[in-house]
Structures are given as structure tokens and as C-alpha cells.
Amino acid sequence: MSAWNRNESWSNPLASGIDLQSIMRQVYTWMVLGMLVTAGIAYITASSPLLIDLALNPIIVLIAVIAELGVVLVISRGLTRLSSVAATMLFIVYAALNGFTLSIVLLAFSLGSVFLAFASTAALFGVMSVIGYTTKVDLSKMGTYLMMAVIGLIIAMVINLFVNSSPLDMLISMAGVLIFTALTAYDTQRIGRMAAGMSTDSESELKFGIFGALQLYLDFINMFLFILRLTGRRR
């Protein structure tokens, strides 16, 4: 779900006097809002027998996953053509769909494991995001290697669907944590640099907030799932 076009560039002209902290604060605000929507929908789904039946239906889940991918592509590739209202609604829809598909996690793992994995992810994400925002080291060269790593990770996961190897599953989970930990720092720095070159009108700032929030949201969710796979206790 995170292997989307990370080379997408923001097309607004360079502006002077931009409040970078304000824009980044908007990015994180939207990300947290997306997390809350996801958590709320996941809890509602896991608490409803009817919705649980839908979430366990492979066809319904496949439709939801395809819809999620479609929303990500629309936001990442067509953001400059979308209105701020449309971008906001699409982001909320994506977060809600993700909550629906992730509700299975609440059924598969103990509640304590979910909370522990979430707390670990939040701490790790916070540290790497701060590093990405404050470091003077240029992380842009990591982008190609990280995307290659994500592709390799996806291939390994598909292979393990057929071989069902526990050692391979553990290696995949460990690699996933490392990859999305690095991506968090990389994406944070890239979002900050893109924000420094955008126009300062409120419409562009809001849309950029959605754009940045989606990227960091994807990093967080993937890191959380791999940590949960690595440390979680199944019911």
C-alpha cells in the first residue's frame, strides 16, 4: 500500500517568507486525524457482527483494497488538479477504508499486543521523523534504494504466501520495520523540502497538508503492521 509514486513533485513556484513549521504542523495534524478515523472505523467494525462478516469476506476486502489503491493514486498523481475539499474527502475516505480492512487485526491479535505495537510504532516514528526534519544530511539519495527494498519486500511477501515459512515471515517483518523506519526519515525530509518551495495560499497549503499526511500515514501504518507481526500475540 505504500509503494506509490514517491517521486511526485509539488509544482507550485518557489515562495518567500513561507512558514515551514506551520505547514509541517498541518501535515502532522491531518496525519493524526487520519489515524483517529482509521482507529475509530476499525473499532466499530470489530465490534459489529455484521461488519465483521463483511470484513472477513475476501471479495469485500479485495474491493476495499482496490479502492484504497485508487484513492492513493488519485491523491498522489492528481493533487494539483483536485480542490482542497475533494482532497480532504478522499483522504478521509482512504483512512476509513483502511480502518475497515485493518479491523481484522483487532480480531487476530490480542488487544494488549495491538496497543504495545502502536506505542512502539509511535515512539519509533516520532524519533525518525524528528531526525528527518532536523538532520543536515541529504537523505534524497536513499530514495531509489528504499523503493527497491519495498519492491523486494512485496515480492518476498507474495512468495511466502505459497511457502508459508515462519523464518521467512520473521525476516520479512524485521526488514519491513527497518525499511519503513528509514522511509519515515526520508519522507519527512522530502516533505519539508517540498513545503519550502510551495506557494503560500491557503488552498495550496491545505492540499499539501493532505499530500504530506498521506505519505507519513502510509509509513506509520506499514511500520505498525510489521512491528505487530513481529511482536504481536495472536488470539
C-alpha atoms as a PDB file:
ATOM      1  CA  MET A   1       0.000   0.000   0.000  1.00  0.00           C
ATOM      2  CA  SER A   2       2.946   2.302   0.440  1.00  0.00           C
ATOM      3  CA  ALA A   3       4.704   1.584  -2.858  1.00  0.00           C
ATOM      4  CA  TRP A   4       3.181   4.578  -4.605  1.00  0.00           C
ATOM      5  CA  ASN A   5       4.906   7.331  -6.566  1.00  0.00           C
ATOM      6  CA  ARG A   6       7.291   8.838  -4.041  1.00  0.00           C
ATOM      7  CA  ASN A   7       8.982  10.884  -6.755  1.00  0.00           C
ATOM      8  CA  GLU A   8       5.863  13.018  -7.223  1.00  0.00           C
ATOM      9  CA  SER A   9       6.925  16.676  -7.139  1.00  0.00           C
ATOM     10  CA  TRP A  10       4.958  19.686  -5.988  1.00  0.00           C
ATOM     11  CA  SER A  11       4.516  22.031  -8.920  1.00  0.00           C
ATOM     12  CA  ASN A  12       3.904  25.332  -7.126  1.00  0.00           C
ATOM     13  CA  PRO A  13       6.518  28.070  -7.588  1.00  0.00           C
ATOM     14  CA  LEU A  14       9.131  28.962  -5.020  1.00  0.00           C
ATOM     15  CA  ALA A  15       7.775  31.413  -2.489  1.00  0.00           C
ATOM     16  CA  SER A  16       9.480  33.628   0.026  1.00  0.00           C
ATOM     17  CA  GLY A  17       8.545  34.082   3.650  1.00  0.00           C
ATOM     18  CA  ILE A  18       6.930  30.672   3.946  1.00  0.00           C
ATOM     19  CA  ASP A  19       6.090  29.424   7.446  1.00  0.00           C
ATOM     20  CA  LEU A  20       7.556  25.927   7.194  1.00  0.00           C
ATOM     21  CA  GLN A  21       6.677  24.982  10.768  1.00  0.00           C
ATOM     22  CA  SER A  22       3.046  25.934  10.201  1.00  0.00           C
ATOM     23  CA  ILE A  23       2.827  23.793   7.067  1.00  0.00           C
ATOM     24  CA  MET A  24       4.516  20.812   8.717  1.00  0.00           C
ATOM     25  CA  ARG A  25       2.189  21.187  11.687  1.00  0.00           C
ATOM     26  CA  GLN A  26      -0.725  20.944   9.263  1.00  0.00           C
ATOM     27  CA  VAL A  27       0.802  17.783   7.756  1.00  0.00           C
ATOM     28  CA  TYR A  28       1.018  16.105  11.152  1.00  0.00           C
ATOM     29  CA  THR A  29      -2.442  17.332  12.169  1.00  0.00           C
ATOM     30  CA  TRP A  30      -4.020  15.688   9.130  1.00  0.00           C
ATOM     31  CA  MET A  31      -1.987  12.547   9.686  1.00  0.00           C
ATOM     32  CA  VAL A  32      -3.220  12.252  13.283  1.00  0.00           C
ATOM     33  CA  LEU A  33      -6.787  12.909  12.128  1.00  0.00           C
ATOM     34  CA  GLY A  34      -6.424  10.111   9.586  1.00  0.00           C
ATOM     35  CA  MET A  35      -5.166   7.789  12.316  1.00  0.00           C
ATOM     36  CA  LEU A  36      -8.146   8.626  14.515  1.00  0.00           C
ATOM     37  CA  VAL A  37     -10.574   7.914  11.667  1.00  0.00           C
ATOM     38  CA  THR A  38      -8.826   4.606  10.949  1.00  0.00           C
ATOM     39  CA  ALA A  39      -8.834   3.572  14.609  1.00  0.00           C
ATOM     40  CA  GLY A  40     -12.480   4.550  15.030  1.00  0.00           C
ATOM     41  CA  ILE A  41     -13.675   2.644  11.951  1.00  0.00           C
ATOM     42  CA  ALA A  42     -11.546  -0.385  12.893  1.00  0.00           C
ATOM     43  CA  TYR A  43     -13.084  -0.444  16.387  1.00  0.00           C
ATOM     44  CA  ILE A  44     -16.647  -0.008  15.085  1.00  0.00           C
ATOM     45  CA  THR A  45     -16.143  -2.768  12.520  1.00  0.00           C
ATOM     46  CA  ALA A  46     -14.609  -5.180  15.040  1.00  0.00           C
ATOM     47  CA  SER A  47     -17.497  -4.511  17.438  1.00  0.00           C
ATOM     48  CA  SER A  48     -20.265  -5.257  14.916  1.00  0.00           C
ATOM     49  CA  PRO A  49     -21.039  -8.877  13.934  1.00  0.00           C
ATOM     50  CA  LEU A  50     -22.460  -7.705  10.602  1.00  0.00           C
ATOM     51  CA  LEU A  51     -19.405  -5.609   9.762  1.00  0.00           C
ATOM     52  CA  ILE A  52     -17.098  -8.405  10.918  1.00  0.00           C
ATOM     53  CA  ASP A  53     -18.742 -10.723   8.421  1.00  0.00           C
ATOM     54  CA  LEU A  54     -18.124  -8.144   5.696  1.00  0.00           C
ATOM     55  CA  ALA A  55     -14.501  -7.639   6.777  1.00  0.00           C
ATOM     56  CA  LEU A  56     -13.913 -11.398   6.637  1.00  0.00           C
ATOM     57  CA  ASN A  57     -15.400 -11.673   3.152  1.00  0.00           C
ATOM     58  CA  PRO A  58     -12.459 -11.967   0.706  1.00  0.00           C
ATOM     59  CA  ILE A  59     -14.371 -10.297  -2.135  1.00  0.00           C
ATOM     60  CA  ILE A  60     -15.382  -7.316   0.014  1.00  0.00           C
ATOM     61  CA  VAL A  61     -11.834  -6.945   1.325  1.00  0.00           C
ATOM     62  CA  LEU A  62     -10.419  -7.100  -2.204  1.00  0.00           C
ATOM     63  CA  ILE A  63     -12.816  -4.380  -3.354  1.00  0.00           C
ATOM     64  CA  ALA A  64     -11.848  -2.233  -0.348  1.00  0.00           C
ATOM     65  CA  VAL A  65      -8.114  -2.701  -1.015  1.00  0.00           C
ATOM     66  CA  ILE A  66      -8.525  -1.815  -4.709  1.00  0.00           C
ATOM     67  CA  ALA A  67     -10.496   1.276  -3.674  1.00  0.00           C
ATOM     68  CA  GLU A  68      -7.702   2.262  -1.267  1.00  0.00           C
ATOM     69  CA  LEU A  69      -5.089   1.961  -4.003  1.00  0.00           C
ATOM     70  CA  GLY A  70      -7.270   4.023  -6.311  1.00  0.00           C
ATOM     71  CA  VAL A  71      -7.648   6.804  -3.745  1.00  0.00           C
ATOM     72  CA  VAL A  72      -3.882   6.875  -3.105  1.00  0.00           C
ATOM     73  CA  LEU A  73      -3.175   7.160  -6.828  1.00  0.00           C
ATOM     74  CA  VAL A  74      -5.737   9.929  -7.280  1.00  0.00           C
ATOM     75  CA  ILE A  75      -4.322  11.972  -4.388  1.00  0.00           C
ATOM     76  CA  SER A  76      -0.653  11.434  -5.241  1.00  0.00           C
ATOM     77  CA  ARG A  77      -0.916  11.916  -9.007  1.00  0.00           C
ATOM     78  CA  GLY A  78      -3.777  14.366  -9.323  1.00  0.00           C
ATOM     79  CA  LEU A  79      -3.441  16.540  -6.243  1.00  0.00           C
ATOM     80  CA  THR A  80      -2.718  19.748  -8.159  1.00  0.00           C
ATOM     81  CA  ARG A  81      -5.965  19.280 -10.112  1.00  0.00           C
ATOM     82  CA  LEU A  82      -8.104  18.460  -7.078  1.00  0.00           C
ATOM     83  CA  SER A  83      -9.864  21.049  -4.977  1.00  0.00           C
ATOM     84  CA  SER A  84      -8.926  21.183  -1.309  1.00  0.00           C
ATOM     85  CA  VAL A  85     -12.389  19.859  -0.397  1.00  0.00           C
ATOM     86  CA  ALA A  86     -12.021  16.882  -2.751  1.00  0.00           C
ATOM     87  CA  ALA A  87      -8.516  16.111  -1.469  1.00  0.00           C
ATOM     88  CA  THR A  88      -9.750  16.245   2.122  1.00  0.00           C
ATOM     89  CA  MET A  89     -12.719  13.975   1.447  1.00  0.00           C
ATOM     90  CA  LEU A  90     -10.553  11.454  -0.417  1.00  0.00           C
ATOM     91  CA  PHE A  91      -8.084  11.337   2.465  1.00  0.00           C
ATOM     92  CA  ILE A  92     -10.860  10.720   4.988  1.00  0.00           C
ATOM     93  CA  VAL A  93     -12.356   8.034   2.729  1.00  0.00           C
ATOM     94  CA  TYR A  94      -8.955   6.357   2.461  1.00  0.00           C
ATOM     95  CA  ALA A  95      -8.461   6.416   6.235  1.00  0.00           C
ATOM     96  CA  ALA A  96     -11.947   4.947   6.742  1.00  0.00           C
ATOM     97  CA  LEU A  97     -11.389   2.176   4.178  1.00  0.00           C
ATOM     98  CA  ASN A  98      -8.069   1.357   5.808  1.00  0.00           C
ATOM     99  CA  GLY A  99      -9.794   1.159   9.178  1.00  0.00           C
ATOM    100  CA  PHE A 100     -12.288  -1.295   7.733  1.00  0.00           C
ATOM    101  CA  THR A 101      -9.595  -3.578   6.289  1.00  0.00           C
ATOM    102  CA  LEU A 102      -7.400  -3.287   9.393  1.00  0.00           C
ATOM    103  CA  SER A 103     -10.270  -4.315  11.676  1.00  0.00           C
ATOM    104  CA  ILE A 104      -9.168  -7.900  11.055  1.00  0.00           C
ATOM    105  CA  VAL A 105      -6.017  -7.049  13.007  1.00  0.00           C
ATOM    106  CA  LEU A 106      -8.118  -6.389  16.109  1.00  0.00           C
ATOM    107  CA  LEU A 107      -9.657  -9.822  15.684  1.00  0.00           C
ATOM    108  CA  ALA A 108      -6.382 -11.659  15.002  1.00  0.00           C
ATOM    109  CA  PHE A 109      -4.209 -10.175  17.770  1.00  0.00           C
ATOM    110  CA  SER A 110      -4.746  -9.578  21.455  1.00  0.00           C
ATOM    111  CA  LEU A 111      -5.667  -6.026  22.420  1.00  0.00           C
ATOM    112  CA  GLY A 112      -2.521  -5.727  24.536  1.00  0.00           C
ATOM    113  CA  SER A 113      -0.351  -6.657  21.556  1.00  0.00           C
ATOM    114  CA  VAL A 114      -2.070  -4.056  19.391  1.00  0.00           C
ATOM    115  CA  PHE A 115      -1.539  -1.296  21.951  1.00  0.00           C
ATOM    116  CA  LEU A 116       2.093  -2.295  22.527  1.00  0.00           C
ATOM    117  CA  ALA A 117       2.810  -2.355  18.794  1.00  0.00           C
ATOM    118  CA  PHE A 118       1.088   1.016  18.344  1.00  0.00           C
ATOM    119  CA  ALA A 119       3.063   2.602  21.199  1.00  0.00           C
ATOM    120  CA  SER A 120       6.329   1.213  19.830  1.00  0.00           C
ATOM    121  CA  THR A 121       5.483   2.468  16.364  1.00  0.00           C
ATOM    122  CA  ALA A 122       4.556   5.926  17.641  1.00  0.00           C
ATOM    123  CA  ALA A 123       7.852   6.219  19.538  1.00  0.00           C
ATOM    124  CA  LEU A 124       9.963   4.987  16.616  1.00  0.00           C
ATOM    125  CA  PHE A 125       8.059   7.097  14.102  1.00  0.00           C
ATOM    126  CA  GLY A 126       8.431  10.194  16.274  1.00  0.00           C
ATOM    127  CA  VAL A 127      12.193   9.754  16.649  1.00  0.00           C
ATOM    128  CA  MET A 128      12.779   9.135  12.930  1.00  0.00           C
ATOM    129  CA  SER A 129      10.519  11.993  11.900  1.00  0.00           C
ATOM    130  CA  VAL A 130      12.432  14.400  14.128  1.00  0.00           C
ATOM    131  CA  ILE A 131      15.713  13.116  12.669  1.00  0.00           C
ATOM    132  CA  GLY A 132      14.409  13.557   9.135  1.00  0.00           C
ATOM    133  CA  TYR A 133      13.211  17.093   9.882  1.00  0.00           C
ATOM    134  CA  THR A 134      16.336  18.312  11.677  1.00  0.00           C
ATOM    135  CA  THR A 135      19.252  16.442  10.089  1.00  0.00           C
ATOM    136  CA  LYS A 136      21.604  18.299   7.761  1.00  0.00           C
ATOM    137  CA  VAL A 137      22.469  15.047   5.976  1.00  0.00           C
ATOM    138  CA  ASP A 138      20.947  14.781   2.496  1.00  0.00           C
ATOM    139  CA  LEU A 139      18.691  11.709   2.541  1.00  0.00           C
ATOM    140  CA  SER A 140      17.473  12.083  -1.036  1.00  0.00           C
ATOM    141  CA  LYS A 141      19.995   9.520  -2.305  1.00  0.00           C
ATOM    142  CA  MET A 142      18.239   6.889  -0.192  1.00  0.00           C
ATOM    143  CA  GLY A 143      15.027   7.135  -2.200  1.00  0.00           C
ATOM    144  CA  THR A 144      15.905   4.757  -5.031  1.00  0.00           C
ATOM    145  CA  TYR A 145      17.345   2.131  -2.699  1.00  0.00           C
ATOM    146  CA  LEU A 146      14.355   2.322  -0.368  1.00  0.00           C
ATOM    147  CA  MET A 147      11.902   1.870  -3.218  1.00  0.00           C
ATOM    148  CA  MET A 148      13.895  -1.126  -4.452  1.00  0.00           C
ATOM    149  CA  ALA A 149      13.728  -2.505  -0.910  1.00  0.00           C
ATOM    150  CA  VAL A 150       9.936  -2.020  -0.804  1.00  0.00           C
ATOM    151  CA  ILE A 151       9.544  -3.875  -4.100  1.00  0.00           C
ATOM    152  CA  GLY A 152      11.751  -6.707  -2.839  1.00  0.00           C
ATOM    153  CA  LEU A 153       9.707  -6.819   0.356  1.00  0.00           C
ATOM    154  CA  ILE A 154       6.455  -7.150  -1.589  1.00  0.00           C
ATOM    155  CA  ILE A 155       7.932  -9.955  -3.717  1.00  0.00           C
ATOM    156  CA  ALA A 156       9.118 -11.791  -0.600  1.00  0.00           C
ATOM    157  CA  MET A 157       5.651 -11.474   0.967  1.00  0.00           C
ATOM    158  CA  VAL A 158       3.994 -12.904  -2.154  1.00  0.00           C
ATOM    159  CA  ILE A 159       6.449 -15.824  -2.189  1.00  0.00           C
ATOM    160  CA  ASN A 160       5.781 -16.510   1.481  1.00  0.00           C
ATOM    161  CA  LEU A 161       2.057 -16.768   0.766  1.00  0.00           C
ATOM    162  CA  PHE A 162       2.881 -20.002  -1.052  1.00  0.00           C
ATOM    163  CA  VAL A 163       5.755 -21.404   1.027  1.00  0.00           C
ATOM    164  CA  ASN A 164       4.344 -20.257   4.405  1.00  0.00           C
ATOM    165  CA  SER A 165       7.772 -20.198   6.067  1.00  0.00           C
ATOM    166  CA  SER A 166       7.909 -18.925   9.649  1.00  0.00           C
ATOM    167  CA  PRO A 167      11.625 -17.974   9.466  1.00  0.00           C
ATOM    168  CA  LEU A 168      10.991 -16.087   6.217  1.00  0.00           C
ATOM    169  CA  ASP A 169       7.991 -14.381   7.772  1.00  0.00           C
ATOM    170  CA  MET A 170      10.178 -13.171  10.642  1.00  0.00           C
ATOM    171  CA  LEU A 171      12.836 -11.895   8.234  1.00  0.00           C
ATOM    172  CA  ILE A 172      10.166 -10.087   6.216  1.00  0.00           C
ATOM    173  CA  SER A 173       8.783  -8.452   9.358  1.00  0.00           C
ATOM    174  CA  MET A 174      12.235  -7.342  10.515  1.00  0.00           C
ATOM    175  CA  ALA A 175      13.074  -5.995   7.067  1.00  0.00           C
ATOM    176  CA  GLY A 176       9.722  -4.209   6.907  1.00  0.00           C
ATOM    177  CA  VAL A 177      10.352  -2.418  10.199  1.00  0.00           C
ATOM    178  CA  LEU A 178      13.812  -1.294   9.061  1.00  0.00           C
ATOM    179  CA  ILE A 179      12.634  -0.166   5.623  1.00  0.00           C
ATOM    180  CA  PHE A 180       9.695   1.904   6.852  1.00  0.00           C
ATOM    181  CA  THR A 181      11.761   3.320   9.699  1.00  0.00           C
ATOM    182  CA  ALA A 182      14.205   4.660   7.108  1.00  0.00           C
ATOM    183  CA  LEU A 183      11.345   5.804   4.864  1.00  0.00           C
ATOM    184  CA  THR A 184       9.909   7.867   7.717  1.00  0.00           C
ATOM    185  CA  ALA A 185      13.095   9.944   7.968  1.00  0.00           C
ATOM    186  CA  TYR A 186      13.429  10.146   4.175  1.00  0.00           C
ATOM    187  CA  ASP A 187       9.810  11.202   3.597  1.00  0.00           C
ATOM    188  CA  THR A 188       9.872  13.741   6.426  1.00  0.00           C
ATOM    189  CA  GLN A 189      12.912  15.479   4.942  1.00  0.00           C
ATOM    190  CA  ARG A 190      11.449  15.352   1.425  1.00  0.00           C
ATOM    191  CA  ILE A 191       8.109  16.776   2.570  1.00  0.00           C
ATOM    192  CA  GLY A 192       9.924  19.583   4.387  1.00  0.00           C
ATOM    193  CA  ARG A 193      11.946  20.458   1.289  1.00  0.00           C
ATOM    194  CA  MET A 194       8.857  20.362  -0.922  1.00  0.00           C
ATOM    195  CA  ALA A 195       6.984  22.586   1.543  1.00  0.00           C
ATOM    196  CA  ALA A 196       9.781  25.135   1.379  1.00  0.00           C
ATOM    197  CA  GLY A 197       9.150  25.530  -2.351  1.00  0.00           C
ATOM    198  CA  MET A 198       5.364  25.789  -2.447  1.00  0.00           C
ATOM    199  CA  SER A 199       3.067  28.779  -2.764  1.00  0.00           C
ATOM    200  CA  THR A 200       1.634  30.263   0.399  1.00  0.00           C
ATOM    201  CA  ASP A 201      -2.081  30.467  -0.442  1.00  0.00           C
ATOM    202  CA  SER A 202      -4.388  28.572   1.910  1.00  0.00           C
ATOM    203  CA  GLU A 203      -5.724  26.269  -0.837  1.00  0.00           C
ATOM    204  CA  SER A 204      -2.238  25.006  -1.718  1.00  0.00           C
ATOM    205  CA  GLU A 205      -1.240  24.673   1.941  1.00  0.00           C
ATOM    206  CA  LEU A 206      -4.282  22.553   2.717  1.00  0.00           C
ATOM    207  CA  LYS A 207      -3.734  20.272  -0.258  1.00  0.00           C
ATOM    208  CA  PHE A 208      -0.061  19.934   0.575  1.00  0.00           C
ATOM    209  CA  GLY A 209      -1.020  19.086   4.153  1.00  0.00           C
ATOM    210  CA  ILE A 210      -3.134  16.205   2.798  1.00  0.00           C
ATOM    211  CA  PHE A 211      -0.332  15.111   0.461  1.00  0.00           C
ATOM    212  CA  GLY A 212       2.281  15.038   3.217  1.00  0.00           C
ATOM    213  CA  ALA A 213      -0.076  13.463   5.733  1.00  0.00           C
ATOM    214  CA  LEU A 214      -0.853  10.610   3.344  1.00  0.00           C
ATOM    215  CA  GLN A 215       2.823   9.799   2.852  1.00  0.00           C
ATOM    216  CA  LEU A 216       3.624   9.762   6.558  1.00  0.00           C
ATOM    217  CA  TYR A 217       0.377   7.926   7.320  1.00  0.00           C
ATOM    218  CA  LEU A 218       1.438   5.140   4.944  1.00  0.00           C
ATOM    219  CA  ASP A 219       4.859   4.906   6.598  1.00  0.00           C
ATOM    220  CA  PHE A 220       3.285   4.735  10.061  1.00  0.00           C
ATOM    221  CA  ILE A 221       0.680   2.113   9.173  1.00  0.00           C
ATOM    222  CA  ASN A 222       3.179  -0.145   7.436  1.00  0.00           C
ATOM    223  CA  MET A 223       5.666   0.157  10.294  1.00  0.00           C
ATOM    224  CA  PHE A 224       2.882  -0.647  12.770  1.00  0.00           C
ATOM    225  CA  LEU A 225       1.787  -3.753  10.868  1.00  0.00           C
ATOM    226  CA  PHE A 226       5.315  -5.133  10.598  1.00  0.00           C
ATOM    227  CA  ILE A 227       6.022  -4.482  14.287  1.00  0.00           C
ATOM    228  CA  LEU A 228       2.737  -6.178  15.164  1.00  0.00           C
ATOM    229  CA  ARG A 229       3.624  -9.185  13.014  1.00  0.00           C
ATOM    230  CA  LEU A 230       6.999  -9.355  14.720  1.00  0.00           C
ATOM    231  CA  THR A 231       5.942  -8.889  18.349  1.00  0.00           C
ATOM    232  CA  GLY A 232       2.161  -9.438  18.480  1.00  0.00           C
ATOM    233  CA  ARG A 233       0.464 -12.283  20.286  1.00  0.00           C
ATOM    234  CA  ARG A 234      -2.316 -13.859  18.253  1.00  0.00           C
ATOM    235  CA  ARG A 235      -5.648 -14.685  19.825  1.00  0.00           C
END
